[in-house]
Amino acid sequence: MTILTQIQQIENYRLATLRTALRLEIRGLRMTSGRTSYAILKDLGYKGSRQKVLDDVTADVESILAGT
């Protein structure tokens, strides 16, 4: 079991979770009854259509996982 204690670790995990939620939203499902992940990601500075935001977030998450 991994414990996330650093702020950067928590932010990275949140970004990965939002990516998964956005994938579901594109397919027509919702993870929560609150705000959409698309709206949250737009607040974080991502711009464009849902698919473009997903592509940008995926690139960011992959670069984080690669350690760059």
C-alpha atoms as a PDB file:
ATOM      1  CA  MET A   1       0.000   0.000   0.000  1.00  0.00           C
ATOM      2  CA  THR A   2       1.271   3.438  -0.946  1.00  0.00           C
ATOM      3  CA  ILE A   3       0.604   6.465   1.207  1.00  0.00           C
ATOM      4  CA  LEU A   4       0.524   9.838  -0.495  1.00  0.00           C
ATOM      5  CA  THR A   5       1.819  12.437   1.918  1.00  0.00           C
ATOM      6  CA  GLN A   6       3.487  15.049  -0.266  1.00  0.00           C
ATOM      7  CA  ILE A   7       1.330  17.769  -1.825  1.00  0.00           C
ATOM      8  CA  GLN A   8       2.791  17.032  -5.277  1.00  0.00           C
ATOM      9  CA  GLN A   9       1.916  13.324  -4.931  1.00  0.00           C
ATOM     10  CA  ILE A  10      -1.681  14.194  -4.067  1.00  0.00           C
ATOM     11  CA  GLU A  11      -1.957  16.619  -6.999  1.00  0.00           C
ATOM     12  CA  ASN A  12      -0.547  13.996  -9.392  1.00  0.00           C
ATOM     13  CA  TYR A  13      -3.027  11.399  -8.143  1.00  0.00           C
ATOM     14  CA  ARG A  14      -5.886  13.885  -8.502  1.00  0.00           C
ATOM     15  CA  LEU A  15      -4.859  14.615 -12.091  1.00  0.00           C
ATOM     16  CA  ALA A  16      -4.771  10.895 -12.902  1.00  0.00           C
ATOM     17  CA  THR A  17      -8.211  10.442 -11.323  1.00  0.00           C
ATOM     18  CA  LEU A  18      -9.625  13.384 -13.270  1.00  0.00           C
ATOM     19  CA  ARG A  19      -8.246  11.833 -16.463  1.00  0.00           C
ATOM     20  CA  THR A  20     -10.114   8.599 -15.731  1.00  0.00           C
ATOM     21  CA  ALA A  21     -13.297  10.526 -14.944  1.00  0.00           C
ATOM     22  CA  LEU A  22     -13.002  12.498 -18.195  1.00  0.00           C
ATOM     23  CA  ARG A  23     -12.660   9.263 -20.164  1.00  0.00           C
ATOM     24  CA  LEU A  24     -15.945   8.120 -18.635  1.00  0.00           C
ATOM     25  CA  GLU A  25     -17.625  11.458 -19.378  1.00  0.00           C
ATOM     26  CA  ILE A  26     -16.634  11.214 -23.028  1.00  0.00           C
ATOM     27  CA  ARG A  27     -18.352   7.810 -23.118  1.00  0.00           C
ATOM     28  CA  GLY A  28     -21.473   9.270 -21.495  1.00  0.00           C
ATOM     29  CA  LEU A  29     -20.997   8.244 -17.841  1.00  0.00           C
ATOM     30  CA  ARG A  30     -20.383  10.329 -14.720  1.00  0.00           C
ATOM     31  CA  MET A  31     -18.202   9.429 -11.726  1.00  0.00           C
ATOM     32  CA  THR A  32     -19.811  11.970  -9.409  1.00  0.00           C
ATOM     33  CA  SER A  33     -23.027  13.873  -9.069  1.00  0.00           C
ATOM     34  CA  GLY A  34     -21.141  17.136  -8.544  1.00  0.00           C
ATOM     35  CA  ARG A  35     -19.066  19.126 -11.025  1.00  0.00           C
ATOM     36  CA  THR A  36     -17.817  17.396 -14.123  1.00  0.00           C
ATOM     37  CA  SER A  37     -14.159  16.513 -14.396  1.00  0.00           C
ATOM     38  CA  TYR A  38     -14.089  18.561 -17.606  1.00  0.00           C
ATOM     39  CA  ALA A  39     -15.123  21.680 -15.660  1.00  0.00           C
ATOM     40  CA  ILE A  40     -12.518  21.002 -12.962  1.00  0.00           C
ATOM     41  CA  LEU A  41      -9.771  20.486 -15.541  1.00  0.00           C
ATOM     42  CA  LYS A  42     -10.761  23.719 -17.300  1.00  0.00           C
ATOM     43  CA  ASP A  43     -10.380  25.488 -13.942  1.00  0.00           C
ATOM     44  CA  LEU A  44      -6.877  23.996 -13.731  1.00  0.00           C
ATOM     45  CA  GLY A  45      -5.983  25.725 -17.004  1.00  0.00           C
ATOM     46  CA  TYR A  46      -6.708  23.130 -19.687  1.00  0.00           C
ATOM     47  CA  LYS A  47      -8.476  24.477 -22.764  1.00  0.00           C
ATOM     48  CA  GLY A  48     -10.303  23.018 -25.715  1.00  0.00           C
ATOM     49  CA  SER A  49     -12.799  20.269 -26.369  1.00  0.00           C
ATOM     50  CA  ARG A  50     -13.192  17.293 -24.064  1.00  0.00           C
ATOM     51  CA  GLN A  51     -11.025  15.171 -26.358  1.00  0.00           C
ATOM     52  CA  LYS A  52      -8.260  17.788 -26.554  1.00  0.00           C
ATOM     53  CA  VAL A  53      -8.285  18.205 -22.771  1.00  0.00           C
ATOM     54  CA  LEU A  54      -8.094  14.408 -22.399  1.00  0.00           C
ATOM     55  CA  ASP A  55      -5.115  14.276 -24.779  1.00  0.00           C
ATOM     56  CA  ASP A  56      -3.343  17.077 -22.875  1.00  0.00           C
ATOM     57  CA  VAL A  57      -4.006  15.519 -19.459  1.00  0.00           C
ATOM     58  CA  THR A  58      -2.883  12.102 -20.709  1.00  0.00           C
ATOM     59  CA  ALA A  59       0.381  13.609 -21.943  1.00  0.00           C
ATOM     60  CA  ASP A  60       0.906  15.344 -18.594  1.00  0.00           C
ATOM     61  CA  VAL A  61       0.162  12.203 -16.565  1.00  0.00           C
ATOM     62  CA  GLU A  62       2.468  10.094 -18.749  1.00  0.00           C
ATOM     63  CA  SER A  63       5.280  12.614 -18.344  1.00  0.00           C
ATOM     64  CA  ILE A  64       4.752  12.600 -14.571  1.00  0.00           C
ATOM     65  CA  LEU A  65       4.847   8.806 -14.476  1.00  0.00           C
ATOM     66  CA  ALA A  66       7.991   8.817 -16.627  1.00  0.00           C
ATOM     67  CA  GLY A  67       9.594  11.148 -14.115  1.00  0.00           C
ATOM     68  CA  THR A  68      10.155  14.142 -16.346  1.00  0.00           C
END
